[in-house]
Amino acid sequence: MRTKLILAILAAIISFGGTGVWFLISERQDAKERHEKFFGSTKEYPTSGGEKMKIEW
């Protein structure tokens, strides 16, 4: 009886923990997408692809 109660409590804690982790990951992804949409993509670097930056004086 006591063992079943402990196992039930552990199962509940694990399920709530998994749900919380999933929620945090999805919320973090949504926040990243909103940030990129508002500020523009931050993945475009001027030196990507081996190109040199042109210095203009």
N, C-alpha and C. Protein backbone atom coordinates (compact mmCIF):
# COMPACT_ATOMS: atom_id res chain seq x y z
N MET A 1 0.83 -1.20 0.00
CA MET A 1 0.00 0.00 0.00
C MET A 1 0.87 1.26 0.00
N ARG A 2 1.83 1.28 0.88
CA ARG A 2 2.70 2.45 0.98
C ARG A 2 3.59 2.58 -0.26
N THR A 3 4.05 1.45 -0.77
CA THR A 3 4.91 1.45 -1.96
C THR A 3 4.15 1.98 -3.18
N LYS A 4 2.88 1.58 -3.31
CA LYS A 4 2.08 2.06 -4.44
C LYS A 4 1.87 3.57 -4.35
N LEU A 5 1.70 4.08 -3.15
CA LEU A 5 1.51 5.51 -2.97
C LEU A 5 2.78 6.26 -3.36
N ILE A 6 3.93 5.76 -2.93
CA ILE A 6 5.21 6.39 -3.28
C ILE A 6 5.43 6.36 -4.79
N LEU A 7 5.12 5.22 -5.42
CA LEU A 7 5.29 5.12 -6.87
C LEU A 7 4.34 6.07 -7.60
N ALA A 8 3.12 6.21 -7.11
CA ALA A 8 2.16 7.12 -7.73
C ALA A 8 2.63 8.57 -7.61
N ILE A 9 3.17 8.91 -6.44
CA ILE A 9 3.68 10.27 -6.26
C ILE A 9 4.87 10.52 -7.16
N LEU A 10 5.78 9.54 -7.26
CA LEU A 10 6.93 9.68 -8.16
C LEU A 10 6.50 9.83 -9.61
N ALA A 11 5.52 9.05 -10.03
CA ALA A 11 5.02 9.14 -11.41
C ALA A 11 4.42 10.52 -11.67
N ALA A 12 3.70 11.05 -10.69
CA ALA A 12 3.10 12.37 -10.86
C ALA A 12 4.19 13.45 -10.96
N ILE A 13 5.21 13.35 -10.11
CA ILE A 13 6.29 14.33 -10.14
C ILE A 13 7.03 14.29 -11.47
N ILE A 14 7.31 13.07 -11.95
CA ILE A 14 8.02 12.93 -13.23
C ILE A 14 7.18 13.47 -14.38
N SER A 15 5.88 13.19 -14.38
CA SER A 15 5.04 13.67 -15.48
C SER A 15 4.92 15.19 -15.46
N PHE A 16 4.77 15.78 -14.26
CA PHE A 16 4.70 17.24 -14.19
C PHE A 16 6.03 17.86 -14.56
N GLY A 17 7.12 17.23 -14.17
CA GLY A 17 8.44 17.73 -14.52
C GLY A 17 8.68 17.70 -16.02
N GLY A 18 8.27 16.61 -16.67
CA GLY A 18 8.41 16.52 -18.12
C GLY A 18 7.59 17.56 -18.84
N THR A 19 6.38 17.79 -18.34
CA THR A 19 5.52 18.80 -18.94
C THR A 19 6.13 20.19 -18.77
N GLY A 20 6.69 20.45 -17.59
CA GLY A 20 7.32 21.75 -17.34
C GLY A 20 8.51 21.98 -18.24
N VAL A 21 9.34 20.95 -18.43
CA VAL A 21 10.52 21.08 -19.30
C VAL A 21 10.07 21.33 -20.73
N TRP A 22 9.05 20.60 -21.19
CA TRP A 22 8.55 20.79 -22.55
C TRP A 22 8.01 22.20 -22.73
N PHE A 23 7.30 22.71 -21.72
CA PHE A 23 6.75 24.07 -21.80
C PHE A 23 7.86 25.10 -21.87
N LEU A 24 8.92 24.93 -21.06
CA LEU A 24 10.02 25.89 -21.07
C LEU A 24 10.74 25.88 -22.41
N ILE A 25 10.95 24.70 -22.99
CA ILE A 25 11.64 24.61 -24.28
C ILE A 25 10.80 25.28 -25.37
N SER A 26 9.50 25.00 -25.40
CA SER A 26 8.65 25.59 -26.44
C SER A 26 8.54 27.10 -26.26
N GLU A 27 8.46 27.56 -25.02
CA GLU A 27 8.37 29.00 -24.77
C GLU A 27 9.67 29.69 -25.17
N ARG A 28 10.78 29.05 -24.93
CA ARG A 28 12.08 29.63 -25.31
C ARG A 28 12.19 29.74 -26.83
N GLN A 29 11.71 28.73 -27.55
CA GLN A 29 11.73 28.76 -29.01
C GLN A 29 10.83 29.87 -29.54
N ASP A 30 9.64 30.02 -28.94
CA ASP A 30 8.73 31.09 -29.36
C ASP A 30 9.34 32.46 -29.12
N ALA A 31 10.00 32.62 -27.98
CA ALA A 31 10.63 33.90 -27.67
C ALA A 31 11.75 34.20 -28.67
N LYS A 32 12.49 33.19 -29.05
CA LYS A 32 13.57 33.38 -30.03
C LYS A 32 12.99 33.80 -31.38
N GLU A 33 11.89 33.16 -31.79
CA GLU A 33 11.26 33.52 -33.06
C GLU A 33 10.71 34.94 -33.03
N ARG A 34 10.11 35.34 -31.90
CA ARG A 34 9.60 36.72 -31.78
C ARG A 34 10.75 37.71 -31.83
N HIS A 35 11.87 37.38 -31.19
CA HIS A 35 13.03 38.26 -31.20
C HIS A 35 13.57 38.44 -32.62
N GLU A 36 13.68 37.33 -33.36
CA GLU A 36 14.18 37.41 -34.73
C GLU A 36 13.21 38.17 -35.63
N LYS A 37 11.92 38.01 -35.39
CA LYS A 37 10.93 38.71 -36.21
C LYS A 37 10.97 40.21 -35.94
N PHE A 38 11.19 40.59 -34.68
CA PHE A 38 11.20 42.01 -34.31
C PHE A 38 12.51 42.69 -34.69
N PHE A 39 13.64 42.05 -34.38
CA PHE A 39 14.94 42.67 -34.61
C PHE A 39 15.58 42.25 -35.93
N GLY A 40 14.99 41.31 -36.62
CA GLY A 40 15.59 40.79 -37.84
C GLY A 40 16.46 39.60 -37.49
N SER A 41 16.82 38.84 -38.49
CA SER A 41 17.60 37.64 -38.25
C SER A 41 19.00 38.00 -37.80
N THR A 42 19.48 37.33 -36.77
CA THR A 42 20.84 37.59 -36.26
C THR A 42 21.83 36.60 -36.83
N LYS A 43 21.41 35.79 -37.80
CA LYS A 43 22.28 34.76 -38.34
C LYS A 43 23.10 35.25 -39.54
N GLU A 44 22.87 36.45 -39.98
CA GLU A 44 23.58 36.97 -41.14
C GLU A 44 24.82 37.73 -40.67
N TYR A 45 25.96 37.13 -40.87
CA TYR A 45 27.21 37.75 -40.48
C TYR A 45 27.92 38.25 -41.72
N PRO A 46 28.58 39.40 -41.65
CA PRO A 46 29.23 39.94 -42.85
C PRO A 46 30.42 39.12 -43.31
N THR A 47 31.01 38.32 -42.44
CA THR A 47 32.18 37.54 -42.84
C THR A 47 31.82 36.08 -43.08
N SER A 48 30.55 35.75 -43.22
CA SER A 48 30.18 34.35 -43.44
C SER A 48 30.56 33.93 -44.86
N GLY A 49 30.90 32.67 -45.03
CA GLY A 49 31.26 32.16 -46.33
C GLY A 49 32.66 32.51 -46.77
N GLY A 50 33.51 32.95 -45.86
CA GLY A 50 34.88 33.26 -46.20
C GLY A 50 35.05 34.61 -46.88
N GLU A 51 34.02 35.44 -46.90
CA GLU A 51 34.14 36.75 -47.54
C GLU A 51 34.78 37.73 -46.57
N LYS A 52 35.63 38.57 -47.11
CA LYS A 52 36.28 39.59 -46.31
C LYS A 52 35.38 40.82 -46.23
N MET A 53 35.43 41.49 -45.11
CA MET A 53 34.67 42.73 -45.00
C MET A 53 35.41 43.83 -45.75
N LYS A 54 34.65 44.64 -46.47
CA LYS A 54 35.24 45.75 -47.20
C LYS A 54 35.29 46.96 -46.30
N ILE A 55 36.45 47.53 -46.16
CA ILE A 55 36.61 48.72 -45.32
C ILE A 55 36.47 49.95 -46.22
N GLU A 56 35.52 50.78 -45.88
CA GLU A 56 35.30 52.00 -46.66
C GLU A 56 35.73 53.19 -45.83
N TRP A 57 36.60 54.03 -46.40
CA TRP A 57 37.09 55.21 -45.68
C TRP A 57 36.38 56.44 -46.17
